[in-house]
């Protein structure tokens, strides 16, 4: 059971919900980090009294330091601040709720200290999964997924003594706001359209990834890394209701699934309480009133990002880092209304065609692949 956390990304959707769970469970907060949200993180710092707060943006950190000068809380900035928070001695669990590749170095730093990682940053495993899992094996650090799908699989596998019994993992996917549309119909979709997720309230980047189905592609790769499985043993199905959070099919034909309402506090609570379950009764799933549960095959021709992710999963090397970096850059451009919706997969594919791939990459190769992929996308925006 978690006693004290360092929360990386405290002002985002996952971060705010994590602090709701912290209030429920009475967990201490050793460190908080965010990008530049001075007002919110100041309120969080005053409520939870961490020893350390860090803002990635240096100007914002200077303002926060002045505001918290009456508290004795240490305020840091940049990547050094993230690393200090991730390795805070008081924290036994590090919740990585930052979005994007920026979460990789702090996660590795926390793993080096043998901490429990409540992992909500999927890009860490997508880009450097083998390095991360090998480092965790060396230090004994626990990696407990917070993504609802991977938490579901993690829970379903608690009674699995032999991973050889797994026939396949089945990740469920809501289909996002554009389910059933053609590629021609997607062309005119705007930022506002793409941010209207049917079931979940999430940050902007992951909501766009859900609309393109890149989010499911990233999760397929993440599941491969977490459970050391080949691509053919990880699949995805459309499940519009977001009640079945994922399933495991075993070699004897049996399926285990985890069901619940679409609420991220459930997997957050499980990751913090593991190996126990923290009692919580409000807003539980009511089987007698929930809608019929349906499943369908994803349309990978229309939503090309999912097919691209599958190809990168099979290729390995730095291809996943290139794909992820290009996607982050392209989604950012879409959110700034610089490109159209269908330009996102096109730019990702162009980066994969442009950036040279490296087999068996070291950390430096992965970081360079990420940089080159972003550069390739930015070159198309000029």
Protein backbone atom coordinates (compact mmCIF):
# COMPACT_ATOMS: atom_id res chain seq x y z
CA UNK A 1 0.00 0.00 0.00
CA UNK A 2 1.31 3.42 -0.97
CA UNK A 3 2.23 5.71 1.93
CA UNK A 4 3.63 8.75 0.11
CA UNK A 5 3.68 9.78 -3.56
CA UNK A 6 5.57 11.99 -5.92
CA UNK A 7 3.04 13.11 -8.54
CA UNK A 8 4.49 14.09 -11.90
CA UNK A 9 1.85 16.04 -13.83
CA UNK A 10 -0.37 17.12 -10.95
CA UNK A 11 -2.41 19.72 -12.86
CA UNK A 12 -3.52 17.46 -15.73
CA UNK A 13 -6.61 15.26 -15.79
CA UNK A 14 -4.90 12.18 -14.30
CA UNK A 15 -3.00 14.30 -11.81
CA UNK A 16 -6.12 16.01 -10.50
CA UNK A 17 -7.94 12.68 -10.16
CA UNK A 18 -4.91 11.20 -8.40
CA UNK A 19 -5.16 13.93 -5.78
CA UNK A 20 -8.84 13.07 -5.30
CA UNK A 21 -7.75 9.50 -4.52
CA UNK A 22 -5.01 10.83 -2.21
CA UNK A 23 -7.69 12.65 -0.22
CA UNK A 24 -9.76 9.44 0.03
CA UNK A 25 -6.87 7.23 1.11
CA UNK A 26 -5.01 9.69 3.32
CA UNK A 27 -1.76 9.26 1.37
CA UNK A 28 1.02 11.82 1.92
CA UNK A 29 2.37 13.90 -0.96
CA UNK A 30 6.15 14.34 -1.13
CA UNK A 31 6.42 16.17 -4.46
CA UNK A 32 4.29 17.74 -7.17
CA UNK A 33 5.26 18.76 -10.71
CA UNK A 34 3.54 20.43 -13.64
CA UNK A 35 4.43 22.33 -16.77
CA UNK A 36 3.37 25.94 -16.17
CA UNK A 37 0.03 26.04 -14.30
CA UNK A 38 1.07 28.36 -11.48
CA UNK A 39 -2.37 29.06 -9.99
CA UNK A 40 -3.47 25.43 -9.73
CA UNK A 41 -0.22 23.97 -8.47
CA UNK A 42 -0.01 26.72 -5.86
CA UNK A 43 -3.42 25.67 -4.54
CA UNK A 44 -2.35 22.02 -4.60
CA UNK A 45 0.91 22.80 -2.79
CA UNK A 46 -0.87 24.72 -0.06
CA UNK A 47 -3.37 21.91 0.46
CA UNK A 48 -1.00 18.91 0.37
CA UNK A 49 2.21 20.52 1.74
CA UNK A 50 4.80 18.62 -0.31
CA UNK A 51 8.47 19.17 0.43
CA UNK A 52 9.15 19.86 -3.25
CA UNK A 53 7.27 21.40 -6.18
CA UNK A 54 8.64 21.73 -9.70
CA UNK A 55 7.41 23.52 -12.80
CA UNK A 56 9.05 22.65 -16.11
CA UNK A 57 8.67 26.22 -17.37
CA UNK A 58 11.39 28.31 -15.70
CA UNK A 59 9.52 31.63 -15.74
CA UNK A 60 6.48 29.97 -14.17
CA UNK A 61 8.73 28.34 -11.57
CA UNK A 62 10.16 31.73 -10.59
CA UNK A 63 6.64 33.10 -10.09
CA UNK A 64 5.62 30.05 -8.06
CA UNK A 65 8.71 30.34 -5.87
CA UNK A 66 7.75 33.91 -4.99
CA UNK A 67 4.16 32.90 -4.24
CA UNK A 68 5.22 30.01 -1.97
CA UNK A 69 7.95 31.94 -0.17
CA UNK A 70 5.91 31.84 3.04
CA UNK A 71 5.65 28.03 3.08
CA UNK A 72 9.18 26.60 3.12
CA UNK A 73 8.34 24.42 0.10
CA UNK A 74 11.30 23.99 -2.25
CA UNK A 75 10.52 25.10 -5.83
CA UNK A 76 12.59 23.81 -8.75
CA UNK A 77 12.33 24.03 -12.54
CA UNK A 78 13.09 22.21 -15.79
CA UNK A 79 14.09 18.59 -16.17
CA UNK A 80 16.23 18.85 -13.01
CA UNK A 81 13.05 19.61 -11.08
CA UNK A 82 11.24 16.61 -12.57
CA UNK A 83 14.17 14.34 -11.74
CA UNK A 84 14.36 15.64 -8.17
CA UNK A 85 10.65 14.99 -7.69
CA UNK A 86 10.87 11.51 -9.23
CA UNK A 87 13.64 10.53 -6.83
CA UNK A 88 12.26 12.24 -3.70
CA UNK A 89 13.38 10.04 -0.84
CA UNK A 90 10.09 10.27 1.08
CA UNK A 91 7.99 8.94 -1.81
CA UNK A 92 7.58 5.17 -2.14
CA UNK A 93 5.37 5.57 -5.24
CA UNK A 94 5.89 7.83 -8.24
CA UNK A 95 2.75 8.56 -10.26
CA UNK A 96 3.87 9.48 -13.78
CA UNK A 97 0.93 11.45 -15.14
CA UNK A 98 2.89 13.75 -17.47
CA UNK A 99 1.98 13.54 -21.15
CA UNK A 100 4.50 12.59 -23.80
CA UNK A 101 8.15 11.66 -24.13
CA UNK A 102 9.08 14.07 -21.35
CA UNK A 103 8.11 11.35 -18.87
CA UNK A 104 10.88 8.95 -19.90
CA UNK A 105 13.86 10.31 -17.97
CA UNK A 106 11.98 10.88 -14.68
CA UNK A 107 10.48 7.39 -14.89
CA UNK A 108 13.90 5.83 -15.39
CA UNK A 109 15.25 7.91 -12.50
CA UNK A 110 12.47 6.68 -10.20
CA UNK A 111 13.07 3.09 -11.31
CA UNK A 112 16.78 3.47 -10.48
CA UNK A 113 15.71 4.14 -6.87
CA UNK A 114 13.52 1.01 -6.80
CA UNK A 115 10.27 2.93 -6.38
CA UNK A 116 6.80 1.73 -7.32
CA UNK A 117 5.78 3.35 -10.61
CA UNK A 118 2.08 4.05 -11.06
CA UNK A 119 2.42 4.51 -14.81
CA UNK A 120 -0.01 6.73 -16.68
CA UNK A 121 2.58 7.90 -19.23
CA UNK A 122 2.26 5.37 -22.05
CA UNK A 123 4.92 7.04 -24.22
CA UNK A 124 7.61 5.85 -21.80
CA UNK A 125 6.94 2.21 -22.66
CA UNK A 126 6.13 2.88 -26.30
CA UNK A 127 9.48 4.53 -26.97
CA UNK A 128 11.77 2.72 -24.56
CA UNK A 129 9.79 -0.19 -23.17
CA UNK A 130 12.58 -2.76 -23.23
CA UNK A 131 15.02 -0.39 -21.49
CA UNK A 132 12.39 0.51 -18.88
CA UNK A 133 11.34 -3.07 -18.14
CA UNK A 134 14.94 -4.27 -17.97
CA UNK A 135 15.80 -1.45 -15.54
CA UNK A 136 12.80 -2.35 -13.37
CA UNK A 137 13.87 -6.00 -13.30
CA UNK A 138 17.36 -4.99 -12.15
CA UNK A 139 16.21 -2.69 -9.34
CA UNK A 140 13.06 -4.50 -8.25
CA UNK A 141 10.88 -1.48 -9.04
CA UNK A 142 7.19 -2.35 -9.46
CA UNK A 143 5.48 -0.96 -12.55
CA UNK A 144 1.72 -0.85 -12.07
CA UNK A 145 -0.23 0.53 -15.02
CA UNK A 146 -2.79 3.27 -14.52
CA UNK A 147 -4.23 3.32 -18.05
CA UNK A 148 -7.69 1.78 -17.64
CA UNK A 149 -6.99 -0.89 -20.27
CA UNK A 150 -3.65 -1.97 -18.87
CA UNK A 151 -4.91 -1.86 -15.32
CA UNK A 152 -7.71 -4.19 -16.42
CA UNK A 153 -5.21 -6.64 -17.91
CA UNK A 154 -2.97 -6.35 -14.84
CA UNK A 155 -5.94 -7.23 -12.61
CA UNK A 156 -7.02 -10.13 -14.83
CA UNK A 157 -3.52 -11.60 -14.72
CA UNK A 158 -3.21 -11.66 -10.93
CA UNK A 159 -4.13 -15.35 -10.87
CA UNK A 160 -2.04 -16.28 -13.92
CA UNK A 161 0.90 -18.37 -12.74
CA UNK A 162 2.40 -18.93 -16.19
CA UNK A 163 2.39 -16.23 -18.89
CA UNK A 164 2.56 -19.05 -21.41
CA UNK A 165 -1.12 -19.62 -20.65
CA UNK A 166 -2.01 -16.32 -22.33
CA UNK A 167 -3.41 -16.74 -25.83
CA UNK A 168 -3.89 -13.01 -26.35
CA UNK A 169 -4.67 -9.72 -24.68
CA UNK A 170 -7.73 -7.88 -25.96
CA UNK A 171 -7.69 -4.11 -25.44
CA UNK A 172 -11.05 -2.38 -25.70
CA UNK A 173 -11.47 0.91 -27.54
CA UNK A 174 -14.41 3.31 -27.47
CA UNK A 175 -13.81 4.29 -31.10
CA UNK A 176 -13.67 7.96 -30.13
CA UNK A 177 -16.00 10.70 -31.42
CA UNK A 178 -15.66 9.74 -35.10
CA UNK A 179 -16.55 6.05 -35.00
CA UNK A 180 -18.22 4.91 -38.22
CA UNK A 181 -17.14 7.88 -40.34
CA UNK A 182 -15.27 7.61 -43.64
CA UNK A 183 -11.88 9.16 -44.35
CA UNK A 184 -13.60 11.80 -46.52
CA UNK A 185 -15.90 12.70 -43.62
CA UNK A 186 -12.92 12.97 -41.26
CA UNK A 187 -11.24 15.55 -43.49
CA UNK A 188 -13.49 18.37 -42.33
CA UNK A 189 -13.38 17.59 -38.62
CA UNK A 190 -12.11 20.38 -36.40
CA UNK A 191 -10.25 20.60 -33.12
CA UNK A 192 -13.54 21.16 -31.29
CA UNK A 193 -15.10 18.10 -32.96
CA UNK A 194 -12.17 15.86 -32.06
CA UNK A 195 -12.18 16.92 -28.41
CA UNK A 196 -15.75 15.64 -27.85
CA UNK A 197 -14.98 12.17 -26.52
CA UNK A 198 -18.17 10.14 -25.98
CA UNK A 199 -17.24 8.51 -22.65
CA UNK A 200 -14.09 9.90 -21.02
CA UNK A 201 -12.98 13.34 -19.83
CA UNK A 202 -9.26 13.52 -20.60
CA UNK A 203 -6.50 15.93 -21.58
CA UNK A 204 -6.42 17.36 -25.09
CA UNK A 205 -3.54 15.25 -26.44
CA UNK A 206 -4.91 11.87 -25.39
CA UNK A 207 -8.41 12.87 -26.56
CA UNK A 208 -7.07 13.58 -30.06
CA UNK A 209 -5.15 10.29 -29.96
CA UNK A 210 -8.43 8.57 -29.12
CA UNK A 211 -10.08 10.22 -32.11
CA UNK A 212 -7.35 9.01 -34.51
CA UNK A 213 -7.09 5.60 -32.74
CA UNK A 214 -3.38 6.28 -32.24
CA UNK A 215 -4.09 5.93 -28.53
CA UNK A 216 -5.03 2.29 -29.08
CA UNK A 217 -1.93 1.74 -31.19
CA UNK A 218 0.23 3.15 -28.39
CA UNK A 219 -1.56 0.92 -25.90
CA UNK A 220 -0.93 -2.20 -28.02
CA UNK A 221 2.80 -1.44 -27.94
CA UNK A 222 2.65 -0.63 -24.22
CA UNK A 223 0.96 -3.98 -23.50
CA UNK A 224 3.63 -5.82 -25.51
CA UNK A 225 6.33 -4.20 -23.37
CA UNK A 226 4.59 -4.60 -20.02
CA UNK A 227 3.84 -8.28 -20.52
CA UNK A 228 6.74 -9.23 -22.84
CA UNK A 229 4.42 -10.49 -25.57
CA UNK A 230 4.80 -10.46 -29.38
CA UNK A 231 2.50 -8.24 -31.52
CA UNK A 232 0.31 -11.14 -32.62
CA UNK A 233 -0.73 -11.75 -29.00
CA UNK A 234 -2.14 -8.25 -28.48
CA UNK A 235 -5.33 -7.14 -30.24
CA UNK A 236 -7.99 -4.45 -29.98
CA UNK A 237 -11.77 -4.33 -30.37
CA UNK A 238 -14.21 -1.43 -30.50
CA UNK A 239 -16.39 -1.38 -27.39
CA UNK A 240 -18.47 1.80 -27.50
CA UNK A 241 -19.79 1.57 -23.94
CA UNK A 242 -16.37 1.67 -22.18
CA UNK A 243 -17.64 -0.74 -19.52
CA UNK A 244 -15.35 -3.70 -20.30
CA UNK A 245 -11.93 -2.15 -19.87
CA UNK A 246 -9.99 -5.05 -21.42
CA UNK A 247 -9.87 -8.84 -21.52
CA UNK A 248 -7.39 -11.71 -21.41
CA UNK A 249 -7.98 -14.83 -23.48
CA UNK A 250 -6.27 -17.92 -22.08
CA UNK A 251 -5.02 -21.01 -23.86
CA UNK A 252 -8.07 -23.07 -22.81
CA UNK A 253 -10.49 -20.60 -24.42
CA UNK A 254 -11.50 -18.88 -21.17
CA UNK A 255 -11.72 -15.07 -21.02
CA UNK A 256 -11.26 -12.89 -17.96
CA UNK A 257 -12.40 -9.26 -18.12
CA UNK A 258 -12.48 -6.28 -15.77
CA UNK A 259 -15.66 -4.19 -15.86
CA UNK A 260 -16.44 -0.82 -14.33
CA UNK A 261 -17.81 2.61 -15.09
CA UNK A 262 -15.51 4.86 -17.17
CA UNK A 263 -13.74 6.49 -14.21
CA UNK A 264 -9.95 6.80 -14.07
CA UNK A 265 -9.99 6.94 -10.28
CA UNK A 266 -10.61 3.17 -10.22
CA UNK A 267 -7.24 2.21 -11.80
CA UNK A 268 -5.48 5.02 -9.92
CA UNK A 269 -6.88 3.73 -6.63
CA UNK A 270 -5.89 0.17 -7.50
CA UNK A 271 -2.31 1.15 -8.37
CA UNK A 272 -1.90 3.00 -5.09
CA UNK A 273 -3.52 0.33 -2.90
CA UNK A 274 -1.98 -2.72 -4.63
CA UNK A 275 -1.69 -5.57 -3.64
CA UNK A 276 -4.85 -4.68 -1.72
CA UNK A 277 -8.09 -3.02 -2.80
CA UNK A 278 -9.26 0.18 -1.15
CA UNK A 279 -12.96 0.08 -0.37
CA UNK A 280 -15.01 2.52 -2.45
CA UNK A 281 -18.74 2.19 -3.11
CA UNK A 282 -20.05 5.41 -4.75
CA UNK A 283 -20.63 5.35 -8.51
CA UNK A 284 -20.10 1.59 -8.85
CA UNK A 285 -21.25 -0.21 -12.00
CA UNK A 286 -24.91 -1.23 -11.90
CA UNK A 287 -25.28 -4.27 -14.15
CA UNK A 288 -29.06 -3.92 -14.25
CA UNK A 289 -28.96 -0.42 -15.71
CA UNK A 290 -25.83 -0.47 -17.88
CA UNK A 291 -26.37 -0.57 -21.66
CA UNK A 292 -25.93 -3.71 -23.80
CA UNK A 293 -22.24 -4.48 -24.33
CA UNK A 294 -21.16 -4.58 -27.98
CA UNK A 295 -17.87 -5.30 -29.75
CA UNK A 296 -16.66 -4.60 -33.30
CA UNK A 297 -13.50 -4.70 -35.40
CA UNK A 298 -11.56 -1.40 -35.69
CA UNK A 299 -11.49 0.23 -39.14
CA UNK A 300 -7.73 0.47 -39.71
CA UNK A 301 -8.10 1.69 -43.30
CA UNK A 302 -9.94 4.83 -42.23
CA UNK A 303 -8.10 5.28 -38.94
CA UNK A 304 -4.60 4.70 -40.29
CA UNK A 305 -2.78 5.54 -37.06
CA UNK A 306 -3.72 2.17 -35.59
CA UNK A 307 -2.31 0.31 -38.61
CA UNK A 308 0.86 2.44 -38.48
CA UNK A 309 1.33 1.59 -34.80
CA UNK A 310 0.96 -2.12 -35.54
CA UNK A 311 3.65 -1.91 -38.21
CA UNK A 312 6.00 -0.11 -35.82
CA UNK A 313 5.30 -2.71 -33.12
CA UNK A 314 6.43 -5.41 -35.53
CA UNK A 315 9.46 -3.44 -36.77
CA UNK A 316 10.80 -2.60 -33.31
CA UNK A 317 14.01 -0.61 -32.88
CA UNK A 318 13.51 3.14 -32.88
CA UNK A 319 10.44 3.00 -35.13
CA UNK A 320 8.09 3.35 -32.15
CA UNK A 321 10.01 6.39 -30.89
CA UNK A 322 9.84 7.98 -34.35
CA UNK A 323 6.13 7.28 -34.58
CA UNK A 324 5.44 8.66 -31.13
CA UNK A 325 7.54 11.81 -31.59
CA UNK A 326 5.96 12.54 -34.95
CA UNK A 327 2.50 11.96 -33.53
CA UNK A 328 3.09 14.31 -30.59
CA UNK A 329 4.28 17.01 -32.98
CA UNK A 330 1.40 16.45 -35.42
CA UNK A 331 -1.25 16.43 -32.68
CA UNK A 332 0.21 19.66 -31.32
CA UNK A 333 -0.07 21.22 -34.78
CA UNK A 334 -3.68 20.02 -35.09
CA UNK A 335 -4.55 21.49 -31.68
CA UNK A 336 -3.03 24.80 -32.88
CA UNK A 337 -5.23 24.47 -36.00
CA UNK A 338 -2.21 24.43 -38.32
CA UNK A 339 -3.18 21.14 -40.02
CA UNK A 340 -6.27 19.07 -40.73
CA UNK A 341 -7.34 15.90 -38.95
CA UNK A 342 -6.24 13.56 -41.75
CA UNK A 343 -2.83 15.25 -41.83
CA UNK A 344 -1.94 13.61 -38.50
CA UNK A 345 -1.42 10.06 -39.84
CA UNK A 346 0.10 11.44 -43.06
CA UNK A 347 2.77 13.35 -41.12
CA UNK A 348 3.52 10.34 -38.92
CA UNK A 349 3.98 8.13 -41.98
CA UNK A 350 6.18 10.76 -43.64
CA UNK A 351 8.43 10.90 -40.58
CA UNK A 352 8.75 7.12 -40.55
CA UNK A 353 9.79 7.23 -44.22
CA UNK A 354 12.31 10.02 -43.52
CA UNK A 355 14.03 9.16 -40.23
CA UNK A 356 16.58 6.36 -40.30
CA UNK A 357 15.76 3.51 -37.94
CA UNK A 358 18.16 1.99 -35.39
CA UNK A 359 17.94 -1.63 -34.22
CA UNK A 360 18.63 -2.47 -30.54
CA UNK A 361 18.73 1.23 -29.57
CA UNK A 362 20.34 2.73 -26.50
CA UNK A 363 18.64 5.58 -24.66
CA UNK A 364 20.58 8.15 -26.70
CA UNK A 365 19.32 6.57 -29.94
CA UNK A 366 15.72 6.75 -28.72
CA UNK A 367 16.02 10.40 -27.71
CA UNK A 368 17.62 11.26 -31.06
CA UNK A 369 14.90 9.39 -32.97
CA UNK A 370 12.30 11.41 -31.09
CA UNK A 371 14.07 14.68 -31.94
CA UNK A 372 14.42 13.84 -35.62
CA UNK A 373 10.79 12.77 -35.88
CA UNK A 374 9.58 16.08 -34.47
CA UNK A 375 11.94 17.91 -36.77
CA UNK A 376 10.53 16.01 -39.76
CA UNK A 377 6.99 17.08 -38.86
CA UNK A 378 7.96 20.70 -38.27
CA UNK A 379 9.67 20.80 -41.68
CA UNK A 380 6.29 20.06 -43.30
CA UNK A 381 4.61 22.91 -41.41
CA UNK A 382 6.80 25.67 -42.84
